[in-house]
Amino acid sequence: MRPQRLVFVYNADGGRLAGLKDMFHKILSPGTYPCSLCAVTYGATSMYPEWREFIKTLPVPVDFLHRDEFIRDYPQWARYPLPAAFGVGDGGGLTPFIEAPEMDATDLNGLMQLVRQRL
């Protein structure tokens, strides 16, 4: 059954200071950067246009949460490996849609293909 919406969760905290720290980490040491979702969908300062346009074409709404926001909103999922994407069902419950190992193993084109296949 197709989810009512998707929630992509970054393995990074929100906020300006955390964003700056992540930006420098991604630039200076990309091999140790812990958020493959950020790495494949964002450049140094903004979302890649291909990803932004792809999201607009999906048949369901898409939300993005940082790790701290996700844990605040869904504390029962606090130990789930991130980055990840979740499908949100009719009752608001989450179901894993793309898991961390899959995120870690793909590039932007592969991520878009995964999303298309599973929707």
Protein backbone atom coordinates (compact mmCIF):
# COMPACT_ATOMS: atom_id res chain seq x y z
CA MET A 1 0.00 0.00 0.00
CA ARG A 2 1.34 3.41 -0.96
CA PRO A 3 2.11 5.76 1.95
CA GLN A 4 0.11 8.97 2.40
CA ARG A 5 3.35 10.94 2.61
CA LEU A 6 7.10 10.44 2.94
CA VAL A 7 9.38 11.71 5.68
CA PHE A 8 13.11 11.87 4.94
CA VAL A 9 15.26 12.12 8.06
CA TYR A 10 18.78 13.53 7.96
CA ASN A 11 21.46 12.12 10.24
CA ALA A 12 22.24 15.68 11.32
CA ASP A 13 20.70 18.10 13.79
CA GLY A 14 18.84 21.22 12.72
CA GLY A 15 19.74 24.83 13.42
CA ARG A 16 22.18 27.36 12.03
CA LEU A 17 25.21 26.33 14.09
CA ALA A 18 24.73 22.62 13.36
CA GLY A 19 24.26 23.47 9.68
CA LEU A 20 27.54 25.38 9.53
CA LYS A 21 29.37 22.58 11.30
CA ASP A 22 27.90 20.04 8.87
CA MET A 23 28.76 22.17 5.85
CA PHE A 24 32.42 22.36 6.86
CA HIS A 25 32.56 18.67 7.77
CA LYS A 26 31.10 17.72 4.37
CA ILE A 27 33.64 19.92 2.56
CA LEU A 28 36.73 19.12 4.63
CA SER A 29 36.17 15.44 5.32
CA PRO A 30 33.45 14.04 3.07
CA GLY A 31 34.50 10.44 3.73
CA THR A 32 33.62 10.73 7.42
CA TYR A 33 30.45 12.79 6.99
CA PRO A 34 27.67 10.79 8.74
CA CYS A 35 24.68 11.86 6.61
CA SER A 36 24.64 10.24 3.19
CA LEU A 37 21.19 11.75 2.54
CA CYS A 38 22.64 15.25 3.03
CA ALA A 39 25.67 14.37 0.94
CA VAL A 40 23.70 13.21 -2.12
CA THR A 41 20.86 15.77 -2.02
CA TYR A 42 22.69 18.95 -0.95
CA GLY A 43 25.63 20.94 -2.20
CA ALA A 44 27.58 23.16 0.18
CA THR A 45 24.66 25.49 0.86
CA SER A 46 21.48 24.36 -0.88
CA MET A 47 19.45 21.44 -2.16
CA TYR A 48 20.42 20.18 -5.61
CA PRO A 49 17.90 21.41 -8.21
CA GLU A 50 17.42 17.88 -9.61
CA TRP A 51 16.35 16.60 -6.20
CA ARG A 52 14.07 19.59 -5.56
CA GLU A 53 12.34 19.06 -8.92
CA PHE A 54 12.08 15.30 -8.37
CA ILE A 55 10.36 15.80 -5.00
CA LYS A 56 7.78 18.06 -6.66
CA THR A 57 6.84 15.29 -9.12
CA LEU A 58 6.05 12.66 -6.49
CA PRO A 59 2.43 11.55 -6.00
CA VAL A 60 2.65 12.08 -2.22
CA PRO A 61 3.75 15.04 -0.07
CA VAL A 62 7.32 14.90 1.24
CA ASP A 63 8.65 16.24 4.53
CA PHE A 64 12.24 16.54 5.71
CA LEU A 65 13.29 16.35 9.34
CA HIS A 66 16.64 16.69 11.06
CA ARG A 67 17.62 14.03 13.59
CA ASP A 68 16.70 16.17 16.62
CA GLU A 69 13.30 17.09 15.14
CA PHE A 70 12.59 13.45 14.28
CA ILE A 71 13.43 12.26 17.80
CA ARG A 72 11.25 15.02 19.26
CA ASP A 73 8.28 14.09 17.03
CA TYR A 74 8.78 10.30 17.02
CA PRO A 75 10.64 9.35 20.22
CA GLN A 76 9.80 5.67 19.76
CA TRP A 77 12.08 5.68 16.68
CA ALA A 78 15.01 7.37 18.47
CA ARG A 79 17.33 4.37 18.08
CA TYR A 80 16.56 3.75 14.41
CA PRO A 81 19.65 4.14 12.18
CA LEU A 82 19.68 7.35 10.16
CA PRO A 83 19.54 8.73 7.54
CA ALA A 84 16.33 7.05 6.50
CA ALA A 85 13.00 7.67 4.83
CA PHE A 86 9.65 6.62 6.25
CA GLY A 87 6.23 6.18 4.77
CA VAL A 88 3.41 7.70 6.81
CA GLY A 89 0.18 5.72 6.77
CA ASP A 90 -3.44 6.77 7.21
CA GLY A 91 -3.22 6.69 10.99
CA GLY A 92 0.04 8.66 11.08
CA GLY A 93 2.22 5.64 11.88
CA LEU A 94 5.64 5.28 10.31
CA THR A 95 6.94 2.42 8.20
CA PRO A 96 10.57 2.25 7.04
CA PHE A 97 10.70 3.19 3.35
CA ILE A 98 14.44 3.49 2.70
CA GLU A 99 16.84 2.33 5.41
CA ALA A 100 20.25 3.73 6.35
CA PRO A 101 22.35 1.06 4.56
CA GLU A 102 20.45 1.73 1.33
CA MET A 103 20.94 5.50 1.73
CA ASP A 104 24.63 4.98 2.42
CA ALA A 105 25.07 2.84 -0.71
CA THR A 106 23.45 5.13 -3.26
CA ASP A 107 23.95 8.36 -5.16
CA LEU A 108 21.30 10.91 -6.14
CA ASN A 109 20.13 9.02 -9.23
CA GLY A 110 19.97 5.77 -7.27
CA LEU A 111 17.99 7.43 -4.49
CA MET A 112 15.47 8.83 -6.96
CA GLN A 113 15.16 5.40 -8.58
CA LEU A 114 14.56 3.74 -5.19
CA VAL A 115 11.81 6.23 -4.36
CA ARG A 116 10.13 5.74 -7.76
CA GLN A 117 10.26 1.93 -7.48
CA ARG A 118 8.72 1.88 -4.01
CA LEU A 119 5.93 4.32 -4.73
